[in-house]
Amino acid sequence: MNLSALPIEDTASTHPEVAHARALHAHHCGVKTVLELCVGPSAPVLHEAYRQVGISPLFNDIDPRWSASFPEYQWVGRDCFAAAHFCLRAGPLLDLVVFAPPLSAGCTGTREDSLMIEEVVPSYWAWLRLLADLPARPLTCTVLPARSLSTRHDKAQFYALREGFYKLGPPEVIERTVGARQIRKYVEIWLPPG
């Protein structure tokens, strides 16, 4: 398990530009409800981004301090796969599920602690298996480390994972960048409903 031992203000959080870009993309896809898995301290920035485009968010994180820190938001379960499985088996309640596990060791958000795809916990491969086992699934967004397209080894892991998504449907890959220099923060794989 990759939990943060850092104070809330020092734990890595989704960049506001990325949150707004993801929410806007979801809005253009017709999304009205979203489940954000492994949200941690990103709940406030994501809630605001979704609210601005009329999307109702539901949050999940295994660490109980996040739901205790932000009780004003709607939370479900602890284990992300159990929460996703429960919500998705319950019927067509969600338009989008976002799987955004911690992408740095200890949730520091620093480049030095950035994880490769194969190092991320919970595992992307377990996420793919969950999606493959569902009789029907909503639109999904899987958030990968920015480094996924950096080195030859990182790219090899990315292409292998992307191939796994192709087996479920045609994925859309989006690089999320921020600032005037367009620094890549994340790589997202969007998979259509199926």
C-alpha atoms as a PDB file:
ATOM      1  CA  MET A   1       0.000   0.000   0.000  1.00  0.00           C
ATOM      2  CA  ASN A   2       1.291   3.489  -0.856  1.00  0.00           C
ATOM      3  CA  LEU A   3      -0.056   5.875   1.786  1.00  0.00           C
ATOM      4  CA  SER A   4       1.134   9.347   2.652  1.00  0.00           C
ATOM      5  CA  ALA A   5       2.704   9.954   6.039  1.00  0.00           C
ATOM      6  CA  LEU A   6       2.928  13.635   5.164  1.00  0.00           C
ATOM      7  CA  PRO A   7       0.634  16.390   6.463  1.00  0.00           C
ATOM      8  CA  ILE A   8      -2.334  17.152   4.222  1.00  0.00           C
ATOM      9  CA  GLU A   9      -0.747  20.293   2.812  1.00  0.00           C
ATOM     10  CA  ASP A  10       2.415  18.370   1.794  1.00  0.00           C
ATOM     11  CA  THR A  11       0.711  15.339   0.243  1.00  0.00           C
ATOM     12  CA  ALA A  12       0.599  15.306  -3.556  1.00  0.00           C
ATOM     13  CA  SER A  13      -2.678  16.533  -4.997  1.00  0.00           C
ATOM     14  CA  THR A  14      -4.159  16.857  -8.474  1.00  0.00           C
ATOM     15  CA  HIS A  15      -3.037  20.081 -10.131  1.00  0.00           C
ATOM     16  CA  PRO A  16      -6.030  22.473 -10.541  1.00  0.00           C
ATOM     17  CA  GLU A  17      -5.386  22.933 -14.291  1.00  0.00           C
ATOM     18  CA  VAL A  18      -5.493  19.168 -14.757  1.00  0.00           C
ATOM     19  CA  ALA A  19      -8.623  18.823 -12.615  1.00  0.00           C
ATOM     20  CA  HIS A  20     -10.416  21.430 -14.738  1.00  0.00           C
ATOM     21  CA  ALA A  21      -9.225  19.882 -18.003  1.00  0.00           C
ATOM     22  CA  ARG A  22     -10.381  16.409 -16.906  1.00  0.00           C
ATOM     23  CA  ALA A  23     -13.761  17.768 -15.753  1.00  0.00           C
ATOM     24  CA  LEU A  24     -14.234  19.655 -19.009  1.00  0.00           C
ATOM     25  CA  HIS A  25     -13.380  16.548 -21.054  1.00  0.00           C
ATOM     26  CA  ALA A  26     -15.848  14.530 -18.977  1.00  0.00           C
ATOM     27  CA  HIS A  27     -18.515  17.199 -19.498  1.00  0.00           C
ATOM     28  CA  HIS A  28     -17.980  17.067 -23.278  1.00  0.00           C
ATOM     29  CA  CYS A  29     -18.452  13.285 -23.058  1.00  0.00           C
ATOM     30  CA  GLY A  30     -21.883  13.830 -21.465  1.00  0.00           C
ATOM     31  CA  VAL A  31     -20.856  12.809 -17.946  1.00  0.00           C
ATOM     32  CA  LYS A  32     -23.211  13.756 -15.090  1.00  0.00           C
ATOM     33  CA  THR A  33     -21.828  11.501 -12.322  1.00  0.00           C
ATOM     34  CA  VAL A  34     -18.260  10.407 -11.562  1.00  0.00           C
ATOM     35  CA  LEU A  35     -16.519   8.124  -9.064  1.00  0.00           C
ATOM     36  CA  GLU A  36     -12.919   9.239  -8.392  1.00  0.00           C
ATOM     37  CA  LEU A  37     -10.899   6.361  -6.934  1.00  0.00           C
ATOM     38  CA  CYS A  38      -7.839   6.960  -4.702  1.00  0.00           C
ATOM     39  CA  VAL A  39      -8.638  10.674  -4.499  1.00  0.00           C
ATOM     40  CA  GLY A  40      -6.839  11.544  -1.249  1.00  0.00           C
ATOM     41  CA  PRO A  41      -6.330  15.275  -0.686  1.00  0.00           C
ATOM     42  CA  SER A  42      -7.435  16.053  -4.267  1.00  0.00           C
ATOM     43  CA  ALA A  43     -11.107  15.949  -3.240  1.00  0.00           C
ATOM     44  CA  PRO A  44     -11.558  19.754  -2.872  1.00  0.00           C
ATOM     45  CA  VAL A  45      -9.929  20.695  -6.189  1.00  0.00           C
ATOM     46  CA  LEU A  46     -11.724  17.903  -8.064  1.00  0.00           C
ATOM     47  CA  HIS A  47     -15.061  18.679  -6.414  1.00  0.00           C
ATOM     48  CA  GLU A  48     -14.780  22.305  -7.518  1.00  0.00           C
ATOM     49  CA  ALA A  49     -13.736  21.392 -11.070  1.00  0.00           C
ATOM     50  CA  TYR A  50     -16.644  18.966 -11.481  1.00  0.00           C
ATOM     51  CA  ARG A  51     -19.106  21.372  -9.840  1.00  0.00           C
ATOM     52  CA  GLN A  52     -18.238  24.068 -12.366  1.00  0.00           C
ATOM     53  CA  VAL A  53     -19.372  21.846 -15.244  1.00  0.00           C
ATOM     54  CA  GLY A  54     -22.416  20.324 -13.523  1.00  0.00           C
ATOM     55  CA  ILE A  55     -20.954  16.898 -12.695  1.00  0.00           C
ATOM     56  CA  SER A  56     -21.762  15.211  -9.376  1.00  0.00           C
ATOM     57  CA  PRO A  57     -18.652  13.531  -7.876  1.00  0.00           C
ATOM     58  CA  LEU A  58     -18.365  10.572  -5.512  1.00  0.00           C
ATOM     59  CA  PHE A  59     -14.957  10.020  -3.891  1.00  0.00           C
ATOM     60  CA  ASN A  60     -12.981   7.038  -2.628  1.00  0.00           C
ATOM     61  CA  ASP A  61      -9.718   6.523  -0.752  1.00  0.00           C
ATOM     62  CA  ILE A  62      -8.354   3.708   1.401  1.00  0.00           C
ATOM     63  CA  ASP A  63      -6.897   6.178   3.917  1.00  0.00           C
ATOM     64  CA  PRO A  64      -9.732   7.229   6.285  1.00  0.00           C
ATOM     65  CA  ARG A  65      -8.085  10.559   7.070  1.00  0.00           C
ATOM     66  CA  TRP A  66      -9.234  11.969   3.707  1.00  0.00           C
ATOM     67  CA  SER A  67     -12.938  11.340   4.241  1.00  0.00           C
ATOM     68  CA  ALA A  68     -12.527  12.600   7.826  1.00  0.00           C
ATOM     69  CA  SER A  69     -10.739  15.725   6.573  1.00  0.00           C
ATOM     70  CA  PHE A  70     -13.362  16.469   3.922  1.00  0.00           C
ATOM     71  CA  PRO A  71     -16.691  15.210   5.357  1.00  0.00           C
ATOM     72  CA  GLU A  72     -18.663  17.681   3.227  1.00  0.00           C
ATOM     73  CA  TYR A  73     -18.129  15.451   0.161  1.00  0.00           C
ATOM     74  CA  GLN A  74     -19.711  12.101  -0.684  1.00  0.00           C
ATOM     75  CA  TRP A  75     -17.409   9.132  -0.009  1.00  0.00           C
ATOM     76  CA  VAL A  76     -17.749   5.422  -0.744  1.00  0.00           C
ATOM     77  CA  GLY A  77     -15.786   2.491   0.681  1.00  0.00           C
ATOM     78  CA  ARG A  78     -12.109   2.247   1.364  1.00  0.00           C
ATOM     79  CA  ASP A  79     -10.515  -0.270  -1.021  1.00  0.00           C
ATOM     80  CA  CYS A  80     -10.754   1.252  -4.496  1.00  0.00           C
ATOM     81  CA  PHE A  81     -11.453  -2.012  -6.320  1.00  0.00           C
ATOM     82  CA  ALA A  82     -14.146  -3.048  -3.850  1.00  0.00           C
ATOM     83  CA  ALA A  83     -15.751   0.404  -4.116  1.00  0.00           C
ATOM     84  CA  ALA A  84     -15.633   0.362  -7.913  1.00  0.00           C
ATOM     85  CA  HIS A  85     -16.956  -3.189  -8.084  1.00  0.00           C
ATOM     86  CA  PHE A  86     -19.814  -2.366  -5.706  1.00  0.00           C
ATOM     87  CA  CYS A  87     -20.774   0.818  -7.557  1.00  0.00           C
ATOM     88  CA  LEU A  88     -20.502  -0.700 -11.015  1.00  0.00           C
ATOM     89  CA  ARG A  89     -22.396  -3.894 -10.158  1.00  0.00           C
ATOM     90  CA  ALA A  90     -25.220  -1.806  -8.661  1.00  0.00           C
ATOM     91  CA  GLY A  91     -26.281  -0.706 -12.141  1.00  0.00           C
ATOM     92  CA  PRO A  92     -25.916   2.338 -14.350  1.00  0.00           C
ATOM     93  CA  LEU A  93     -25.417   4.846 -11.520  1.00  0.00           C
ATOM     94  CA  LEU A  94     -22.150   6.300 -12.777  1.00  0.00           C
ATOM     95  CA  ASP A  95     -21.202   7.840 -16.100  1.00  0.00           C
ATOM     96  CA  LEU A  96     -17.445   7.875 -15.410  1.00  0.00           C
ATOM     97  CA  VAL A  97     -14.997   6.101 -13.115  1.00  0.00           C
ATOM     98  CA  VAL A  98     -11.529   7.645 -12.686  1.00  0.00           C
ATOM     99  CA  PHE A  99      -8.723   5.408 -11.421  1.00  0.00           C
ATOM    100  CA  ALA A 100      -5.950   7.704 -10.181  1.00  0.00           C
ATOM    101  CA  PRO A 101      -3.690   5.782  -7.788  1.00  0.00           C
ATOM    102  CA  PRO A 102      -0.742   7.447  -6.013  1.00  0.00           C
ATOM    103  CA  LEU A 103       1.942   8.122  -8.632  1.00  0.00           C
ATOM    104  CA  SER A 104       4.876   8.850  -6.319  1.00  0.00           C
ATOM    105  CA  ALA A 105       6.393   6.926  -3.427  1.00  0.00           C
ATOM    106  CA  GLY A 106       4.864   8.145  -0.175  1.00  0.00           C
ATOM    107  CA  CYS A 107       2.574  10.473  -2.159  1.00  0.00           C
ATOM    108  CA  THR A 108       5.230  13.203  -2.172  1.00  0.00           C
ATOM    109  CA  GLY A 109       4.537  14.318  -5.729  1.00  0.00           C
ATOM    110  CA  THR A 110       8.233  14.929  -6.348  1.00  0.00           C
ATOM    111  CA  ARG A 111      10.005  13.963  -9.565  1.00  0.00           C
ATOM    112  CA  GLU A 112      12.573  11.984  -7.539  1.00  0.00           C
ATOM    113  CA  ASP A 113       9.814   9.792  -6.046  1.00  0.00           C
ATOM    114  CA  SER A 114       7.881   9.326  -9.302  1.00  0.00           C
ATOM    115  CA  LEU A 115       6.860   5.703  -9.858  1.00  0.00           C
ATOM    116  CA  MET A 116       6.976   3.672 -13.057  1.00  0.00           C
ATOM    117  CA  ILE A 117       3.739   2.015 -14.195  1.00  0.00           C
ATOM    118  CA  GLU A 118       4.794  -1.382 -12.798  1.00  0.00           C
ATOM    119  CA  GLU A 119       5.577   0.164  -9.382  1.00  0.00           C
ATOM    120  CA  VAL A 120       2.199   1.850  -8.856  1.00  0.00           C
ATOM    121  CA  VAL A 121      -0.034   0.382  -6.128  1.00  0.00           C
ATOM    122  CA  PRO A 122      -2.906  -0.366  -6.529  1.00  0.00           C
ATOM    123  CA  SER A 123      -1.920  -2.042  -9.783  1.00  0.00           C
ATOM    124  CA  TYR A 124      -3.032  -0.944 -13.228  1.00  0.00           C
ATOM    125  CA  TRP A 125      -3.182  -4.600 -14.256  1.00  0.00           C
ATOM    126  CA  ALA A 126      -5.612  -5.384 -11.419  1.00  0.00           C
ATOM    127  CA  TRP A 127      -7.708  -2.413 -12.603  1.00  0.00           C
ATOM    128  CA  LEU A 128      -7.741  -3.805 -16.140  1.00  0.00           C
ATOM    129  CA  ARG A 129      -8.842  -7.219 -14.836  1.00  0.00           C
ATOM    130  CA  LEU A 130     -11.705  -5.601 -12.911  1.00  0.00           C
ATOM    131  CA  LEU A 131     -12.831  -3.746 -16.064  1.00  0.00           C
ATOM    132  CA  ALA A 132     -12.588  -6.917 -18.175  1.00  0.00           C
ATOM    133  CA  ASP A 133     -14.720  -8.865 -15.674  1.00  0.00           C
ATOM    134  CA  LEU A 134     -17.612  -6.387 -15.714  1.00  0.00           C
ATOM    135  CA  PRO A 135     -20.639  -7.276 -17.844  1.00  0.00           C
ATOM    136  CA  ALA A 136     -20.936  -3.571 -18.692  1.00  0.00           C
ATOM    137  CA  ARG A 137     -18.831  -0.575 -17.744  1.00  0.00           C
ATOM    138  CA  PRO A 138     -19.149   3.195 -17.956  1.00  0.00           C
ATOM    139  CA  LEU A 139     -16.595   5.536 -19.466  1.00  0.00           C
ATOM    140  CA  THR A 140     -13.312   5.187 -17.560  1.00  0.00           C
ATOM    141  CA  CYS A 141     -10.245   7.382 -17.138  1.00  0.00           C
ATOM    142  CA  THR A 142      -7.014   5.832 -15.910  1.00  0.00           C
ATOM    143  CA  VAL A 143      -4.360   8.284 -14.706  1.00  0.00           C
ATOM    144  CA  LEU A 144      -0.721   7.310 -15.297  1.00  0.00           C
ATOM    145  CA  PRO A 145       2.537   8.918 -14.142  1.00  0.00           C
ATOM    146  CA  ALA A 146       3.910  11.734 -16.312  1.00  0.00           C
ATOM    147  CA  ARG A 147       7.082   9.704 -16.788  1.00  0.00           C
ATOM    148  CA  SER A 148       5.116   6.999 -18.666  1.00  0.00           C
ATOM    149  CA  LEU A 149       6.271   8.542 -21.948  1.00  0.00           C
ATOM    150  CA  SER A 150       9.815   9.471 -20.884  1.00  0.00           C
ATOM    151  CA  THR A 151      12.424   6.696 -20.983  1.00  0.00           C
ATOM    152  CA  ARG A 152      12.530   3.623 -23.189  1.00  0.00           C
ATOM    153  CA  HIS A 153      11.678   1.408 -20.205  1.00  0.00           C
ATOM    154  CA  ASP A 154       8.771   3.679 -19.159  1.00  0.00           C
ATOM    155  CA  LYS A 155       7.423   3.687 -22.717  1.00  0.00           C
ATOM    156  CA  ALA A 156       7.631  -0.113 -22.937  1.00  0.00           C
ATOM    157  CA  GLN A 157       5.466  -0.372 -19.808  1.00  0.00           C
ATOM    158  CA  PHE A 158       3.056   2.225 -21.202  1.00  0.00           C
ATOM    159  CA  TYR A 159       2.665   0.424 -24.543  1.00  0.00           C
ATOM    160  CA  ALA A 160       2.075  -2.912 -22.805  1.00  0.00           C
ATOM    161  CA  LEU A 161      -0.619  -1.354 -20.620  1.00  0.00           C
ATOM    162  CA  ARG A 162      -2.196   0.482 -23.547  1.00  0.00           C
ATOM    163  CA  GLU A 163      -2.368  -2.841 -25.408  1.00  0.00           C
ATOM    164  CA  GLY A 164      -4.344  -4.231 -22.473  1.00  0.00           C
ATOM    165  CA  PHE A 165      -6.817  -1.370 -22.845  1.00  0.00           C
ATOM    166  CA  TYR A 166      -7.116  -2.005 -26.596  1.00  0.00           C
ATOM    167  CA  LYS A 167      -8.469  -5.461 -25.762  1.00  0.00           C
ATOM    168  CA  LEU A 168     -11.428  -3.740 -24.069  1.00  0.00           C
ATOM    169  CA  GLY A 169     -12.041  -1.012 -26.635  1.00  0.00           C
ATOM    170  CA  PRO A 170     -10.294   1.820 -28.451  1.00  0.00           C
ATOM    171  CA  PRO A 171      -8.549   3.951 -25.798  1.00  0.00           C
ATOM    172  CA  GLU A 172      -7.936   7.677 -26.078  1.00  0.00           C
ATOM    173  CA  VAL A 173      -4.593   8.816 -24.654  1.00  0.00           C
ATOM    174  CA  ILE A 174      -4.388  12.383 -23.350  1.00  0.00           C
ATOM    175  CA  GLU A 175      -1.245  14.033 -22.004  1.00  0.00           C
ATOM    176  CA  ARG A 176      -2.208  16.513 -19.263  1.00  0.00           C
ATOM    177  CA  THR A 177       0.146  19.471 -19.171  1.00  0.00           C
ATOM    178  CA  VAL A 178       0.255  22.645 -17.099  1.00  0.00           C
ATOM    179  CA  GLY A 179       1.719  26.128 -17.256  1.00  0.00           C
ATOM    180  CA  ALA A 180       3.282  28.195 -20.014  1.00  0.00           C
ATOM    181  CA  ARG A 181       6.000  25.565 -20.534  1.00  0.00           C
ATOM    182  CA  GLN A 182       3.344  22.832 -20.878  1.00  0.00           C
ATOM    183  CA  ILE A 183       4.965  20.500 -18.358  1.00  0.00           C
ATOM    184  CA  ARG A 184       3.422  17.024 -18.513  1.00  0.00           C
ATOM    185  CA  LYS A 185       1.773  16.170 -15.176  1.00  0.00           C
ATOM    186  CA  TYR A 186      -0.103  12.974 -16.082  1.00  0.00           C
ATOM    187  CA  VAL A 187      -1.013  10.703 -18.945  1.00  0.00           C
ATOM    188  CA  GLU A 188      -4.670   9.659 -19.054  1.00  0.00           C
ATOM    189  CA  ILE A 189      -6.168   6.672 -20.842  1.00  0.00           C
ATOM    190  CA  TRP A 190      -9.888   7.130 -21.531  1.00  0.00           C
ATOM    191  CA  LEU A 191     -11.824   3.980 -22.383  1.00  0.00           C
ATOM    192  CA  PRO A 192     -15.320   4.204 -23.860  1.00  0.00           C
ATOM    193  CA  PRO A 193     -18.256   2.410 -22.215  1.00  0.00           C
ATOM    194  CA  GLY A 194     -18.514  -1.241 -23.071  1.00  0.00           C
END
